[in-house]
Amino acid sequence: MTEEEYVAYLAGERRRYAWVMRTHGGMPAGRAAHEAMDCYPYEPPEAAYRTLVFHDEAWHWAMLALHGGDYVHRPGLVCPPEEYEALD
């Protein structure tokens, strides 16, 4: 993954994470953006596990933050809605 691809992917995951926090967590936009930055900090190219956070999508990380691991037992939360998928 090039630096440009990494930065674009990071921005997309931040956008999706913040959307979940606003839409499902009821957070104000500023706080949701801050939470997204905390979840997806920029890591320099030499960071050993730079892309590890990408192994699951933003939906998963946001659901964990909002509902804990039990979200997987709630049918309405397991899969992201169409609105989330349309953010790409």
C-alpha atoms as a PDB file:
ATOM      1  CA  MET A   1       0.000   0.000   0.000  1.00  0.00           C
ATOM      2  CA  THR A   2       1.448   3.343  -1.014  1.00  0.00           C
ATOM      3  CA  GLU A   3       1.432   6.367   1.307  1.00  0.00           C
ATOM      4  CA  GLU A   4      -1.322   7.970  -0.777  1.00  0.00           C
ATOM      5  CA  GLU A   5      -3.447   4.809  -0.596  1.00  0.00           C
ATOM      6  CA  TYR A   6      -2.883   4.550   3.149  1.00  0.00           C
ATOM      7  CA  VAL A   7      -3.889   8.170   3.778  1.00  0.00           C
ATOM      8  CA  ALA A   8      -7.010   7.809   1.601  1.00  0.00           C
ATOM      9  CA  TYR A   9      -8.016   4.557   3.291  1.00  0.00           C
ATOM     10  CA  LEU A  10      -7.421   6.077   6.719  1.00  0.00           C
ATOM     11  CA  ALA A  11      -9.625   9.050   5.842  1.00  0.00           C
ATOM     12  CA  GLY A  12     -12.379   6.735   4.634  1.00  0.00           C
ATOM     13  CA  GLU A  13     -12.320   4.646   7.795  1.00  0.00           C
ATOM     14  CA  ARG A  14     -12.382   7.785   9.941  1.00  0.00           C
ATOM     15  CA  ARG A  15     -15.380   9.068   7.977  1.00  0.00           C
ATOM     16  CA  ARG A  16     -17.266   5.780   8.380  1.00  0.00           C
ATOM     17  CA  TYR A  17     -16.394   5.475  12.086  1.00  0.00           C
ATOM     18  CA  ALA A  18     -17.565   9.028  12.762  1.00  0.00           C
ATOM     19  CA  TRP A  19     -20.787   8.371  10.833  1.00  0.00           C
ATOM     20  CA  VAL A  20     -21.551   5.360  13.048  1.00  0.00           C
ATOM     21  CA  MET A  21     -20.803   7.333  16.188  1.00  0.00           C
ATOM     22  CA  ARG A  22     -23.154  10.131  15.075  1.00  0.00           C
ATOM     23  CA  THR A  23     -25.890   7.910  13.676  1.00  0.00           C
ATOM     24  CA  HIS A  24     -25.891   5.059  16.179  1.00  0.00           C
ATOM     25  CA  GLY A  25     -24.179   6.657  19.144  1.00  0.00           C
ATOM     26  CA  GLY A  26     -25.915  10.025  19.038  1.00  0.00           C
ATOM     27  CA  MET A  27     -22.614  11.897  19.286  1.00  0.00           C
ATOM     28  CA  PRO A  28     -22.239  15.446  18.075  1.00  0.00           C
ATOM     29  CA  ALA A  29     -20.166  15.719  14.905  1.00  0.00           C
ATOM     30  CA  GLY A  30     -17.112  17.214  16.624  1.00  0.00           C
ATOM     31  CA  ARG A  31     -16.916  14.506  19.246  1.00  0.00           C
ATOM     32  CA  ALA A  32     -17.514  11.773  16.643  1.00  0.00           C
ATOM     33  CA  ALA A  33     -14.657  13.156  14.540  1.00  0.00           C
ATOM     34  CA  HIS A  34     -12.396  13.216  17.599  1.00  0.00           C
ATOM     35  CA  GLU A  35     -13.298   9.611  18.430  1.00  0.00           C
ATOM     36  CA  ALA A  36     -12.532   8.618  14.834  1.00  0.00           C
ATOM     37  CA  MET A  37      -9.112  10.264  15.011  1.00  0.00           C
ATOM     38  CA  ASP A  38      -8.398   8.423  18.264  1.00  0.00           C
ATOM     39  CA  CYS A  39      -9.435   5.098  16.759  1.00  0.00           C
ATOM     40  CA  TYR A  40      -7.566   5.710  13.502  1.00  0.00           C
ATOM     41  CA  PRO A  41      -4.425   7.720  14.267  1.00  0.00           C
ATOM     42  CA  TYR A  42      -1.947   8.307  11.480  1.00  0.00           C
ATOM     43  CA  GLU A  43       0.989   5.931  11.776  1.00  0.00           C
ATOM     44  CA  PRO A  44       4.259   6.566   9.951  1.00  0.00           C
ATOM     45  CA  PRO A  45       5.349   4.205   7.175  1.00  0.00           C
ATOM     46  CA  GLU A  46       7.935   2.540   9.417  1.00  0.00           C
ATOM     47  CA  ALA A  47       5.352   1.568  12.065  1.00  0.00           C
ATOM     48  CA  ALA A  48       5.376  -2.220  12.340  1.00  0.00           C
ATOM     49  CA  TYR A  49       1.616  -2.722  12.512  1.00  0.00           C
ATOM     50  CA  ARG A  50       0.533   0.316  10.551  1.00  0.00           C
ATOM     51  CA  THR A  51      -2.412  -1.282   8.754  1.00  0.00           C
ATOM     52  CA  LEU A  52      -3.492  -3.718  11.466  1.00  0.00           C
ATOM     53  CA  VAL A  53      -6.515  -1.579  12.406  1.00  0.00           C
ATOM     54  CA  PHE A  54      -7.811  -2.127   8.871  1.00  0.00           C
ATOM     55  CA  HIS A  55      -8.270  -5.881   9.385  1.00  0.00           C
ATOM     56  CA  ASP A  56     -11.835  -5.107  10.490  1.00  0.00           C
ATOM     57  CA  GLU A  57     -13.931  -2.311   9.078  1.00  0.00           C
ATOM     58  CA  ALA A  58     -14.915   0.846  10.914  1.00  0.00           C
ATOM     59  CA  TRP A  59     -18.408  -0.558  11.576  1.00  0.00           C
ATOM     60  CA  HIS A  60     -16.905  -3.287  13.768  1.00  0.00           C
ATOM     61  CA  TRP A  61     -14.675  -0.939  15.778  1.00  0.00           C
ATOM     62  CA  ALA A  62     -17.488   1.569  16.286  1.00  0.00           C
ATOM     63  CA  MET A  63     -19.944  -1.128  17.374  1.00  0.00           C
ATOM     64  CA  LEU A  64     -17.384  -2.413  19.882  1.00  0.00           C
ATOM     65  CA  ALA A  65     -16.954   1.100  21.266  1.00  0.00           C
ATOM     66  CA  LEU A  66     -20.710   1.671  21.510  1.00  0.00           C
ATOM     67  CA  HIS A  67     -22.021  -1.751  22.535  1.00  0.00           C
ATOM     68  CA  GLY A  68     -19.065  -3.936  23.480  1.00  0.00           C
ATOM     69  CA  GLY A  69     -18.514  -7.403  22.105  1.00  0.00           C
ATOM     70  CA  ASP A  70     -22.146  -8.365  22.620  1.00  0.00           C
ATOM     71  CA  TYR A  71     -23.161  -6.369  19.551  1.00  0.00           C
ATOM     72  CA  VAL A  72     -22.567  -9.531  17.483  1.00  0.00           C
ATOM     73  CA  HIS A  73     -25.589 -11.093  19.200  1.00  0.00           C
ATOM     74  CA  ARG A  74     -27.890  -8.257  18.126  1.00  0.00           C
ATOM     75  CA  PRO A  75     -29.120  -8.995  14.590  1.00  0.00           C
ATOM     76  CA  GLY A  76     -29.701  -5.349  13.726  1.00  0.00           C
ATOM     77  CA  LEU A  77     -26.100  -4.440  14.498  1.00  0.00           C
ATOM     78  CA  VAL A  78     -24.089  -7.289  12.992  1.00  0.00           C
ATOM     79  CA  CYS A  79     -24.100  -5.967   9.437  1.00  0.00           C
ATOM     80  CA  PRO A  80     -23.821  -2.324   8.465  1.00  0.00           C
ATOM     81  CA  PRO A  81     -26.878  -0.735   6.837  1.00  0.00           C
ATOM     82  CA  GLU A  82     -27.012   0.431   3.228  1.00  0.00           C
ATOM     83  CA  GLU A  83     -26.412   4.039   4.304  1.00  0.00           C
ATOM     84  CA  TYR A  84     -23.077   3.010   5.788  1.00  0.00           C
ATOM     85  CA  GLU A  85     -22.122   1.046   2.677  1.00  0.00           C
ATOM     86  CA  ALA A  86     -23.012   4.069   0.526  1.00  0.00           C
ATOM     87  CA  LEU A  87     -20.347   6.173   2.268  1.00  0.00           C
ATOM     88  CA  ASP A  88     -17.646   4.728   0.018  1.00  0.00           C
END
